[in-house]
Structure formats: structure tokens, C-alpha cells
PDB file of N, CA and C in Angstrom:
ATOM      1  N   MET A   1      98.420  80.635  34.917  1.00  0.00           N
ATOM      2  CA  MET A   1      97.092  81.179  36.058  1.00  0.00           C
ATOM      3  C   MET A   1      97.750  79.981  36.954  1.00  0.00           C
ATOM      4  N   ARG A   2      98.542  79.265  37.476  1.00  0.00           N
ATOM      5  CA  ARG A   2      99.370  78.670  38.341  1.00  0.00           C
ATOM      6  C   ARG A   2      99.995  78.929  38.689  1.00  0.00           C
ATOM      7  N   GLU A   3     100.926  79.854  38.427  1.00  0.00           N
ATOM      8  CA  GLU A   3     102.292  80.933  39.184  1.00  0.00           C
ATOM      9  C   GLU A   3     101.380  81.795  39.828  1.00  0.00           C
ATOM     10  N   SER A   4     100.085  82.455  39.231  1.00  0.00           N
ATOM     11  CA  SER A   4      99.500  83.272  40.382  1.00  0.00           C
ATOM     12  C   SER A   4      98.836  82.324  41.547  1.00  0.00           C
ATOM     13  N   HIS A   5      98.682  81.663  41.170  1.00  0.00           N
ATOM     14  CA  HIS A   5      98.007  80.799  42.220  1.00  0.00           C
ATOM     15  C   HIS A   5      98.687  80.530  43.357  1.00  0.00           C
ATOM     16  N   GLY A   6     100.031  80.416  42.994  1.00  0.00           N
ATOM     17  CA  GLY A   6     101.303  79.471  43.909  1.00  0.00           C
ATOM     18  C   GLY A   6     101.672  81.162  44.552  1.00  0.00           C
ATOM     19  N   ILE A   7     101.486  82.378  44.458  1.00  0.00           N
ATOM     20  CA  ILE A   7     101.933  83.558  44.645  1.00  0.00           C
ATOM     21  C   ILE A   7     100.782  83.847  45.610  1.00  0.00           C
ATOM     22  N   ARG A   8      99.662  83.425  45.318  1.00  0.00           N
ATOM     23  CA  ARG A   8      98.671  84.105  46.426  1.00  0.00           C
ATOM     24  C   ARG A   8      98.350  82.935  47.495  1.00  0.00           C
ATOM     25  N   ARG A   9      98.754  81.867  47.271  1.00  0.00           N
ATOM     26  CA  ARG A   9      99.010  80.998  47.991  1.00  0.00           C
ATOM     27  C   ARG A   9     100.496  81.194  49.505  1.00  0.00           C
ATOM     28  N   GLY A  10     101.766  81.746  48.787  1.00  0.00           N
ATOM     29  CA  GLY A  10     102.515  81.621  49.518  1.00  0.00           C
ATOM     30  C   GLY A  10     102.423  83.488  50.528  1.00  0.00           C
ATOM     31  N   LEU A  11     101.631  84.444  49.767  1.00  0.00           N
ATOM     32  CA  LEU A  11     101.341  85.487  50.137  1.00  0.00           C
ATOM     33  C   LEU A  11     100.468  85.254  51.130  1.00  0.00           C
ATOM     34  N   TYR A  12      99.539  84.090  51.167  1.00  0.00           N
ATOM     35  CA  TYR A  12      98.337  83.582  52.077  1.00  0.00           C
ATOM     36  C   TYR A  12      98.836  82.903  53.489  1.00  0.00           C
ATOM     37  N   LEU A  13     100.143  82.045  53.151  1.00  0.00           N
ATOM     38  CA  LEU A  13     100.970  81.724  54.100  1.00  0.00           C
ATOM     39  C   LEU A  13     101.754  82.306  54.918  1.00  0.00           C
ATOM     40  N   ARG A  14     102.517  83.732  54.025  1.00  0.00           N
ATOM     41  CA  ARG A  14     103.194  84.790  54.872  1.00  0.00           C
ATOM     42  C   ARG A  14     102.426  85.389  55.880  1.00  0.00           C
ATOM     43  N   MET A  15     101.308  85.670  55.542  1.00  0.00           N
ATOM     44  CA  MET A  15     100.011  86.587  56.550  1.00  0.00           C
ATOM     45  C   MET A  15     100.100  85.530  57.571  1.00  0.00           C
ATOM     46  N   ILE A  16      99.805  84.360  57.511  1.00  0.00           N
ATOM     47  CA  ILE A  16      99.675  83.303  58.524  1.00  0.00           C
ATOM     48  C   ILE A  16     100.767  83.339  59.806  1.00  0.00           C
ATOM     49  N   GLN A  17     101.714  83.383  59.420  1.00  0.00           N
ATOM     50  CA  GLN A  17     103.027  83.357  59.783  1.00  0.00           C
ATOM     51  C   GLN A  17     103.295  84.930  60.756  1.00  0.00           C
ATOM     52  N   ASP A  18     103.173  85.761  59.656  1.00  0.00           N
ATOM     53  CA  ASP A  18     103.113  86.912  60.555  1.00  0.00           C
ATOM     54  C   ASP A  18     101.957  87.139  61.312  1.00  0.00           C
ATOM     55  N   GLY A  19     100.889  86.831  61.577  1.00  0.00           N
ATOM     56  CA  GLY A  19     100.060  86.776  62.527  1.00  0.00           C
ATOM     57  C   GLY A  19     100.364  85.925  63.290  1.00  0.00           C
ATOM     58  N   LYS A  20     100.752  85.109  63.324  1.00  0.00           N
ATOM     59  CA  LYS A  20     101.694  83.942  64.594  1.00  0.00           C
ATOM     60  C   LYS A  20     102.920  84.938  65.109  1.00  0.00           C
ATOM     61  N   GLU A  21     103.030  85.484  64.409  1.00  0.00           N
ATOM     62  CA  GLU A  21     104.607  86.668  65.168  1.00  0.00           C
ATOM     63  C   GLU A  21     103.853  87.450  66.080  1.00  0.00           C
ATOM     64  N   LEU A  22     102.743  88.539  65.087  1.00  0.00           N
ATOM     65  CA  LEU A  22     102.068  89.687  66.068  1.00  0.00           C
ATOM     66  C   LEU A  22     101.748  88.946  67.178  1.00  0.00           C
ATOM     67  N   ILE A  23     100.806  88.153  67.159  1.00  0.00           N
ATOM     68  CA  ILE A  23     100.243  86.790  68.237  1.00  0.00           C
ATOM     69  C   ILE A  23     101.502  86.727  69.499  1.00  0.00           C
ATOM     70  N   ALA A  24     102.001  86.296  69.174  1.00  0.00           N
ATOM     71  CA  ALA A  24     103.313  85.620  70.165  1.00  0.00           C
ATOM     72  C   ALA A  24     103.981  87.337  70.875  1.00  0.00           C
ATOM     73  N   MET A  25     103.908  88.255  70.173  1.00  0.00           N
ATOM     74  CA  MET A  25     105.059  89.732  70.407  1.00  0.00           C
ATOM     75  C   MET A  25     103.094  90.417  71.247  1.00  0.00           C
ATOM     76  N   ILE A  26     102.410  90.317  71.081  1.00  0.00           N
ATOM     77  CA  ILE A  26     101.200  90.433  71.998  1.00  0.00           C
ATOM     78  C   ILE A  26     101.529  89.780  73.094  1.00  0.00           C
ATOM     79  N   LYS A  27     101.441  88.595  73.433  1.00  0.00           N
ATOM     80  CA  LYS A  27     101.378  87.954  74.561  1.00  0.00           C
ATOM     81  C   LYS A  27     102.776  88.272  75.395  1.00  0.00           C
ATOM     82  N   LYS A  28     103.808  88.439  74.783  1.00  0.00           N
ATOM     83  CA  LYS A  28     104.731  89.044  75.440  1.00  0.00           C
ATOM     84  C   LYS A  28     104.738  90.096  75.996  1.00  0.00           C
ATOM     85  N   ASP A  29     104.645  91.468  75.440  1.00  0.00           N
ATOM     86  CA  ASP A  29     104.245  92.732  75.732  1.00  0.00           C
ATOM     87  C   ASP A  29     102.860  92.658  77.244  1.00  0.00           C
ATOM     88  N   LYS A  30     102.229  92.079  76.854  1.00  0.00           N
ATOM     89  CA  LYS A  30     100.776  91.708  77.813  1.00  0.00           C
ATOM     90  C   LYS A  30     101.645  90.975  79.219  1.00  0.00           C
ATOM     91  N   LYS A  31     102.500  90.391  79.350  1.00  0.00           N
ATOM     92  CA  LYS A  31     103.384  89.812  80.487  1.00  0.00           C
ATOM     93  C   LYS A  31     104.204  90.686  81.250  1.00  0.00           C
ATOM     94  N   LEU A  32     104.622  91.557  80.008  1.00  0.00           N
ATOM     95  CA  LEU A  32     105.628  92.605  81.060  1.00  0.00           C
ATOM     96  C   LEU A  32     104.448  93.914  81.597  1.00  0.00           C
ATOM     97  N   PHE A  33     103.710  94.175  80.458  1.00  0.00           N
ATOM     98  CA  PHE A  33     102.848  94.668  81.304  1.00  0.00           C
ATOM     99  C   PHE A  33     102.306  94.171  82.319  1.00  0.00           C
ATOM    100  N   ASP A  34     101.686  93.343  82.438  1.00  0.00           N
ATOM    101  CA  ASP A  34     101.408  92.785  83.735  1.00  0.00           C
ATOM    102  C   ASP A  34     102.302  92.891  84.848  1.00  0.00           C
ATOM    103  N   GLU A  35     103.616  92.374  84.825  1.00  0.00           N
ATOM    104  CA  GLU A  35     104.534  92.617  85.473  1.00  0.00           C
ATOM    105  C   GLU A  35     104.400  93.787  86.120  1.00  0.00           C
ATOM    106  N   MET A  36     105.052  94.813  84.821  1.00  0.00           N
ATOM    107  CA  MET A  36     104.966  96.193  84.796  1.00  0.00           C
ATOM    108  C   MET A  36     103.682  97.038  85.942  1.00  0.00           C
ATOM    109  N   ASP A  37     102.381  96.439  85.726  1.00  0.00           N
ATOM    110  CA  ASP A  37     101.052  96.682  86.456  1.00  0.00           C
ATOM    111  C   ASP A  37     101.116  96.127  88.289  1.00  0.00           C
ATOM    112  N   LEU A  38     102.032  95.018  88.390  1.00  0.00           N
ATOM    113  CA  LEU A  38     101.792  94.588  89.606  1.00  0.00           C
ATOM    114  C   LEU A  38     103.100  95.867  90.075  1.00  0.00           C
ATOM    115  N   ILE A  39     103.916  96.083  89.707  1.00  0.00           N
ATOM    116  CA  ILE A  39     105.051  96.650  90.657  1.00  0.00           C
ATOM    117  C   ILE A  39     104.233  98.036  91.034  1.00  0.00           C
ATOM    118  N   ALA A  40     103.439  98.883  89.919  1.00  0.00           N
ATOM    119  CA  ALA A  40     102.770 100.106  89.940  1.00  0.00           C
ATOM    120  C   ALA A  40     101.539  99.828  90.919  1.00  0.00           C
ATOM    121  N   ARG A  41     100.917  98.376  91.236  1.00  0.00           N
ATOM    122  CA  ARG A  41      99.918  98.846  92.145  1.00  0.00           C
ATOM    123  C   ARG A  41     100.553  98.215  93.724  1.00  0.00           C
ATOM    124  N   ASP A  42     101.815  98.260  93.611  1.00  0.00           N
ATOM    125  CA  ASP A  42     102.041  97.958  94.694  1.00  0.00           C
ATOM    126  C   ASP A  42     102.154  98.433  96.063  1.00  0.00           C
ATOM    127  N   GLU A  43     101.667  98.070  97.073  1.00  0.00           N
ATOM    128  CA  GLU A  43     101.379  98.939  98.208  1.00  0.00           C
ATOM    129  C   GLU A  43     102.767  99.513  99.198  1.00  0.00           C
ATOM    130  N   PHE A  44     102.574 100.714  99.497  1.00  0.00           N
ATOM    131  CA  PHE A  44     104.068 100.582 100.352  1.00  0.00           C
ATOM    132  C   PHE A  44     103.448 101.230 101.939  1.00  0.00           C
ATOM    133  N   VAL A  45     104.610 100.491 103.107  1.00  0.00           N
ATOM    134  CA  VAL A  45     104.278 100.798 104.461  1.00  0.00           C
ATOM    135  C   VAL A  45     105.263 101.667 105.051  1.00  0.00           C
ATOM    136  N   ARG A  46     104.949 102.631 105.414  1.00  0.00           N
ATOM    137  CA  ARG A  46     105.242 103.744 106.435  1.00  0.00           C
ATOM    138  C   ARG A  46     106.274 102.795 107.343  1.00  0.00           C
ATOM    139  N   CYS A  47     107.216 102.358 107.316  1.00  0.00           N
ATOM    140  CA  CYS A  47     108.265 102.310 108.423  1.00  0.00           C
ATOM    141  C   CYS A  47     109.242 103.468 109.191  1.00  0.00           C
ATOM    142  N   LYS A  48     109.751 102.623 110.198  1.00  0.00           N
ATOM    143  CA  LYS A  48     110.639 103.482 111.406  1.00  0.00           C
ATOM    144  C   LYS A  48     112.187 103.468 111.648  1.00  0.00           C
ATOM    145  N   CYS A  49     112.748 103.946 111.874  1.00  0.00           N
ATOM    146  CA  CYS A  49     114.244 103.614 112.546  1.00  0.00           C
ATOM    147  C   CYS A  49     113.570 103.388 114.102  1.00  0.00           C
ATOM    148  N   LEU A  50     114.178 102.835 115.023  1.00  0.00           N
ATOM    149  CA  LEU A  50     114.187 102.602 116.402  1.00  0.00           C
ATOM    150  C   LEU A  50     114.955 103.828 117.219  1.00  0.00           C
ATOM    151  N   ALA A  51     115.892 103.722 116.093  1.00  0.00           N
ATOM    152  CA  ALA A  51     117.125 104.329 116.900  1.00  0.00           C
ATOM    153  C   ALA A  51     116.983 105.827 116.482  1.00  0.00           C
ATOM    154  N   CYS A  52     117.367 106.248 115.271  1.00  0.00           N
ATOM    155  CA  CYS A  52     117.139 107.208 114.152  1.00  0.00           C
ATOM    156  C   CYS A  52     115.931 108.098 114.486  1.00  0.00           C
ATOM    157  N   GLY A  53     114.562 106.946 114.096  1.00  0.00           N
ATOM    158  CA  GLY A  53     113.670 107.565 113.678  1.00  0.00           C
ATOM    159  C   GLY A  53     113.532 108.290 112.231  1.00  0.00           C
ATOM    160  N   HIS A  54     114.056 108.025 111.504  1.00  0.00           N
ATOM    161  CA  HIS A  54     114.043 107.790 110.380  1.00  0.00           C
ATOM    162  C   HIS A  54     112.935 106.685 109.647  1.00  0.00           C
ATOM    163  N   GLU A  55     112.253 107.801 108.424  1.00  0.00           N
ATOM    164  CA  GLU A  55     110.976 107.227 108.260  1.00  0.00           C
ATOM    165  C   GLU A  55     111.278 106.734 106.668  1.00  0.00           C
ATOM    166  N   GLN A  56     110.478 105.692 106.215  1.00  0.00           N
ATOM    167  CA  GLN A  56     111.071 105.226 104.571  1.00  0.00           C
ATOM    168  C   GLN A  56     109.761 104.322 104.685  1.00  0.00           C
ATOM    169  N   LYS A  57     109.256 104.153 103.171  1.00  0.00           N
ATOM    170  CA  LYS A  57     108.010 103.211 102.955  1.00  0.00           C
ATOM    171  C   LYS A  57     109.075 102.131 101.935  1.00  0.00           C
ATOM    172  N   ILE A  58     108.028 101.223 102.366  1.00  0.00           N
ATOM    173  CA  ILE A  58     108.822  99.793 102.584  1.00  0.00           C
ATOM    174  C   ILE A  58     107.720  99.150 102.015  1.00  0.00           C
ATOM    175  N   PRO A  59     108.052  98.050 100.244  1.00  0.00           N
ATOM    176  CA  PRO A  59     107.188  97.801  99.601  1.00  0.00           C
ATOM    177  C   PRO A  59     106.536  96.733 100.435  1.00  0.00           C
ATOM    178  N   SER A  60     104.980  96.228 100.777  1.00  0.00           N
ATOM    179  CA  SER A  60     104.630  95.566 101.203  1.00  0.00           C
ATOM    180  C   SER A  60     104.846  93.634 101.080  1.00  0.00           C
ATOM    181  N   TRP A  61     104.877  93.622  99.697  1.00  0.00           N
ATOM    182  CA  TRP A  61     105.640  92.534  99.586  1.00  0.00           C
ATOM    183  C   TRP A  61     106.717  92.371  99.756  1.00  0.00           C
ATOM    184  N   LEU A  62     107.830  93.033 100.392  1.00  0.00           N
ATOM    185  CA  LEU A  62     109.278  92.608 100.926  1.00  0.00           C
ATOM    186  C   LEU A  62     108.906  92.622 102.235  1.00  0.00           C
ATOM    187  N   ILE A  63     107.917  93.240 102.861  1.00  0.00           N
ATOM    188  CA  ILE A  63     107.679  93.014 104.629  1.00  0.00           C
ATOM    189  C   ILE A  63     107.221  91.804 104.762  1.00  0.00           C
ATOM    190  N   ALA A  64     106.320  91.147 103.815  1.00  0.00           N
ATOM    191  CA  ALA A  64     105.618  90.190 103.582  1.00  0.00           C
ATOM    192  C   ALA A  64     106.575  88.971 103.731  1.00  0.00           C
ATOM    193  N   GLU A  65     107.915  89.212 102.753  1.00  0.00           N
ATOM    194  CA  GLU A  65     108.650  88.063 102.311  1.00  0.00           C
ATOM    195  C   GLU A  65     109.694  88.049 103.541  1.00  0.00           C
ATOM    196  N   ILE A  66     110.099  89.008 104.054  1.00  0.00           N
ATOM    197  CA  ILE A  66     111.089  89.044 105.564  1.00  0.00           C
ATOM    198  C   ILE A  66     110.272  88.326 106.808  1.00  0.00           C
ATOM    199  N   SER A  67     109.269  88.977 106.619  1.00  0.00           N
ATOM    200  CA  SER A  67     108.527  88.516 107.807  1.00  0.00           C
ATOM    201  C   SER A  67     108.736  87.318 107.782  1.00  0.00           C
ATOM    202  N   GLU A  68     107.870  86.280 106.702  1.00  0.00           N
ATOM    203  CA  GLU A  68     107.554  85.118 106.836  1.00  0.00           C
ATOM    204  C   GLU A  68     109.311  84.190 106.998  1.00  0.00           C
ATOM    205  N   MET A  69     110.270  84.725 106.094  1.00  0.00           N
ATOM    206  CA  MET A  69     111.798  84.099 106.299  1.00  0.00           C
ATOM    207  C   MET A  69     112.456  84.316 108.054  1.00  0.00           C
ATOM    208  N   ASN A  70     112.176  85.431 108.673  1.00  0.00           N
ATOM    209  CA  ASN A  70     111.904  85.367 110.626  1.00  0.00           C
ATOM    210  C   ASN A  70     111.152  84.088 111.134  1.00  0.00           C
ATOM    211  N   GLU A  71     110.485  84.125 110.499  1.00  0.00           N
ATOM    212  CA  GLU A  71     109.148  82.752 111.153  1.00  0.00           C
ATOM    213  C   GLU A  71     109.876  81.797 111.435  1.00  0.00           C
ATOM    214  N   GLU A  72     110.054  81.403 109.713  1.00  0.00           N
ATOM    215  CA  GLU A  72     110.922  80.037 109.482  1.00  0.00           C
ATOM    216  C   GLU A  72     112.209  79.750 109.798  1.00  0.00           C
ATOM    217  N   CYS A  73     112.969  81.042 110.209  1.00  0.00           N
ATOM    218  CA  CYS A  73     114.003  80.767 110.771  1.00  0.00           C
ATOM    219  C   CYS A  73     114.089  80.628 112.823  1.00  0.00           C
ATOM    220  N   GLY A  74     112.751  80.942 113.177  1.00  0.00           N
ATOM    221  CA  GLY A  74     112.471  81.147 114.308  1.00  0.00           C
ATOM    222  C   GLY A  74     112.934  82.459 114.861  1.00  0.00           C
ATOM    223  N   LEU A  75     113.067  83.192 114.219  1.00  0.00           N
ATOM    224  CA  LEU A  75     113.249  84.598 115.112  1.00  0.00           C
ATOM    225  C   LEU A  75     112.129  85.296 115.170  1.00  0.00           C
ATOM    226  N   ASP A  76     111.755  86.229 115.345  1.00  0.00           N
ATOM    227  CA  ASP A  76     110.674  87.309 115.330  1.00  0.00           C
ATOM    228  C   ASP A  76     109.838  87.470 113.909  1.00  0.00           C
ATOM    229  N   ASP A  77     108.470  86.874 114.369  1.00  0.00           N
ATOM    230  CA  ASP A  77     107.829  87.096 112.826  1.00  0.00           C
ATOM    231  C   ASP A  77     107.511  88.536 112.257  1.00  0.00           C
ATOM    232  N   HIS A  78     108.386  89.474 112.944  1.00  0.00           N
ATOM    233  CA  HIS A  78     107.887  90.941 112.586  1.00  0.00           C
ATOM    234  C   HIS A  78     109.328  91.427 111.348  1.00  0.00           C
ATOM    235  N   PHE A  79     108.902  92.378 110.555  1.00  0.00           N
ATOM    236  CA  PHE A  79     109.704  93.130 109.892  1.00  0.00           C
ATOM    237  C   PHE A  79     111.036  93.485 110.395  1.00  0.00           C
ATOM    238  N   SER A  80     112.274  93.745 109.945  1.00  0.00           N
ATOM    239  CA  SER A  80     113.307  94.462 110.396  1.00  0.00           C
ATOM    240  C   SER A  80     114.460  94.563 109.577  1.00  0.00           C
ATOM    241  N   SER A  81     115.021  95.737 109.327  1.00  0.00           N
ATOM    242  CA  SER A  81     115.646  96.391 108.307  1.00  0.00           C
ATOM    243  C   SER A  81     116.908  96.785 108.797  1.00  0.00           C
ATOM    244  N   ALA A  82     118.103  97.020 108.370  1.00  0.00           N
ATOM    245  CA  ALA A  82     119.047  97.835 108.948  1.00  0.00           C
ATOM    246  C   ALA A  82     118.575  98.925 108.235  1.00  0.00           C
ATOM    247  N   CYS A  83     118.717 100.404 109.531  1.00  0.00           N
ATOM    248  CA  CYS A  83     118.539 101.807 108.868  1.00  0.00           C
ATOM    249  C   CYS A  83     119.375 101.960 107.875  1.00  0.00           C
ATOM    250  N   TYR A  84     119.479 102.264 106.435  1.00  0.00           N
ATOM    251  CA  TYR A  84     120.781 103.007 106.028  1.00  0.00           C
ATOM    252  C   TYR A  84     121.097 104.469 106.634  1.00  0.00           C
ATOM    253  N   LYS A  85     120.242 105.086 106.913  1.00  0.00           N
ATOM    254  CA  LYS A  85     120.620 106.466 107.466  1.00  0.00           C
ATOM    255  C   LYS A  85     121.595 106.496 108.792  1.00  0.00           C
ATOM    256  N   CYS A  86     121.351 105.768 109.450  1.00  0.00           N
ATOM    257  CA  CYS A  86     121.956 105.986 110.725  1.00  0.00           C
ATOM    258  C   CYS A  86     123.571 104.718 110.776  1.00  0.00           C
ATOM    259  N   GLU A  87     123.184 103.379 110.440  1.00  0.00           N
ATOM    260  CA  GLU A  87     123.538 102.405 109.811  1.00  0.00           C
ATOM    261  C   GLU A  87     123.669 101.520 111.717  1.00  0.00           C
ATOM    262  N   ASP A  88     122.675 101.838 112.060  1.00  0.00           N
ATOM    263  CA  ASP A  88     122.960 101.423 113.335  1.00  0.00           C
ATOM    264  C   ASP A  88     121.944 100.668 113.829  1.00  0.00           C
ATOM    265  N   GLY A  89     120.834 101.490 113.590  1.00  0.00           N
ATOM    266  CA  GLY A  89     119.208 101.078 114.175  1.00  0.00           C
ATOM    267  C   GLY A  89     118.747  99.984 113.098  1.00  0.00           C
ATOM    268  N   GLU A  90     117.386  99.775 113.525  1.00  0.00           N
ATOM    269  CA  GLU A  90     116.673  98.505 112.995  1.00  0.00           C
ATOM    270  C   GLU A  90     115.152  99.189 112.627  1.00  0.00           C
ATOM    271  N   VAL A  91     115.000  99.174 111.020  1.00  0.00           N
ATOM    272  CA  VAL A  91     113.550  99.846 110.424  1.00  0.00           C
ATOM    273  C   VAL A  91     112.916  98.921 110.628  1.00  0.00           C
ATOM    274  N   VAL A  92     111.723  99.050 111.523  1.00  0.00           N
ATOM    275  CA  VAL A  92     110.296  98.486 111.433  1.00  0.00           C
ATOM    276  C   VAL A  92     109.277  99.081 111.022  1.00  0.00           C
ATOM    277  N   THR A  93     107.888  98.423 110.984  1.00  0.00           N
ATOM    278  CA  THR A  93     106.931  99.214 110.599  1.00  0.00           C
ATOM    279  C   THR A  93     106.641  99.735 111.866  1.00  0.00           C
ATOM    280  N   MET A  94     105.224 100.723 111.441  1.00  0.00           N
ATOM    281  CA  MET A  94     104.978 101.660 112.181  1.00  0.00           C
ATOM    282  C   MET A  94     104.242 100.939 113.412  1.00  0.00           C
ATOM    283  N   ASP A  95     103.582  99.719 113.156  1.00  0.00           N
ATOM    284  CA  ASP A  95     102.587  99.058 114.792  1.00  0.00           C
ATOM    285  C   ASP A  95     103.657  98.806 115.143  1.00  0.00           C
ATOM    286  N   TYR A  96     104.875  97.964 114.580  1.00  0.00           N
ATOM    287  CA  TYR A  96     105.804  97.676 115.574  1.00  0.00           C
ATOM    288  C   TYR A  96     106.239  98.665 116.228  1.00  0.00           C
ATOM    289  N   TYR A  97     106.843  99.219 115.722  1.00  0.00           N
ATOM    290  CA  TYR A  97     107.648 100.828 116.147  1.00  0.00           C
ATOM    291  C   TYR A  97     106.339 101.426 117.369  1.00  0.00           C
ATOM    292  N   ASN A  98     105.563 101.281 117.593  1.00  0.00           N
ATOM    293  CA  ASN A  98     104.602 101.816 118.423  1.00  0.00           C
ATOM    294  C   ASN A  98     104.524 101.072 119.711  1.00  0.00           C
ATOM    295  N   LYS A  99     104.361  99.932 119.349  1.00  0.00           N
ATOM    296  CA  LYS A  99     104.129  99.077 120.665  1.00  0.00           C
ATOM    297  C   LYS A  99     105.845  98.761 121.030  1.00  0.00           C
ATOM    298  N   VAL A 100     106.890  99.104 120.326  1.00  0.00           N
ATOM    299  CA  VAL A 100     108.170  99.073 121.032  1.00  0.00           C
ATOM    300  C   VAL A 100     107.988 100.593 121.817  1.00  0.00           C
ATOM    301  N   LYS A 101     107.896 101.390 121.611  1.00  0.00           N
ATOM    302  CA  LYS A 101     108.026 102.608 121.651  1.00  0.00           C
ATOM    303  C   LYS A 101     107.224 103.118 122.954  1.00  0.00           C
ATOM    304  N   ASN A 102     105.926 102.237 123.130  1.00  0.00           N
ATOM    305  CA  ASN A 102     104.883 102.672 124.035  1.00  0.00           C
ATOM    306  C   ASN A 102     105.190 101.659 124.734  1.00  0.00           C
ATOM    307  N   ARG A 103     105.961 100.460 125.393  1.00  0.00           N
ATOM    308  CA  ARG A 103     106.881  99.417 126.201  1.00  0.00           C
ATOM    309  C   ARG A 103     107.707 100.192 126.925  1.00  0.00           C
ATOM    310  N   GLU A 104     108.544 101.221 126.420  1.00  0.00           N
ATOM    311  CA  GLU A 104     109.985 101.900 127.116  1.00  0.00           C
ATOM    312  C   GLU A 104     108.845 102.800 127.809  1.00  0.00           C
ATOM    313  N   GLN A 105     107.842 103.939 127.632  1.00  0.00           N
ATOM    314  CA  GLN A 105     107.268 104.572 128.440  1.00  0.00           C
ATOM    315  C   GLN A 105     106.894 104.286 129.770  1.00  0.00           C
TER     316      GLN A 105
END
């Protein structure tokens, strides 16, 4: 009788350990899923090169980060990036692009 009690106790402890491992796996998977969900829900902003007019969509979080860094460094607070197409121009948001082009007219 004692031997079966020990076996049951061992199985019970193993079930508890398996449950803890399962919970840890679920938490890890949930964290990964939450990160992927943030990426999937990311908004993209239409941007355009001031030199060649090439348009591309850039994640809004990247624009916010670069704009903030520019402002902290005392540079213009608008987003700008080098154009990968013409390698000479500056890619900016459409709002800023329209302001610059309207001033030129």
C-alpha cells in the first residue's frame, strides 16, 4: 500500500512540475505574441524624397524616435532620412514635404 502511495505522490508532483512548465511556456509565448501584435498593428506614414520624389512608407514609431533625437540634438524636429533610391535626397513626411514645396512656389 505504501508503494502505491509513493507512486501517486510522485505522479502528483510531476503533474505540478509539468503545470508550472506549461504556464512558463504560455507566458513566454504570450510575450512573443504581444510583441508581434505590436509590429502588426504598427502604423506606416507616407514619406517622400525632396530631391527625386520617391515615395515610401516608414513605421510611425521610427519617425517619432528620429524626430525626438533631432529635437534633443538641436536639429530640426521633423523626421528626415537619406533617400535610398537617389542617395542624394532627403526623405521627409508628406506634411513636411508639402510645406517645403509650397514655400518654393
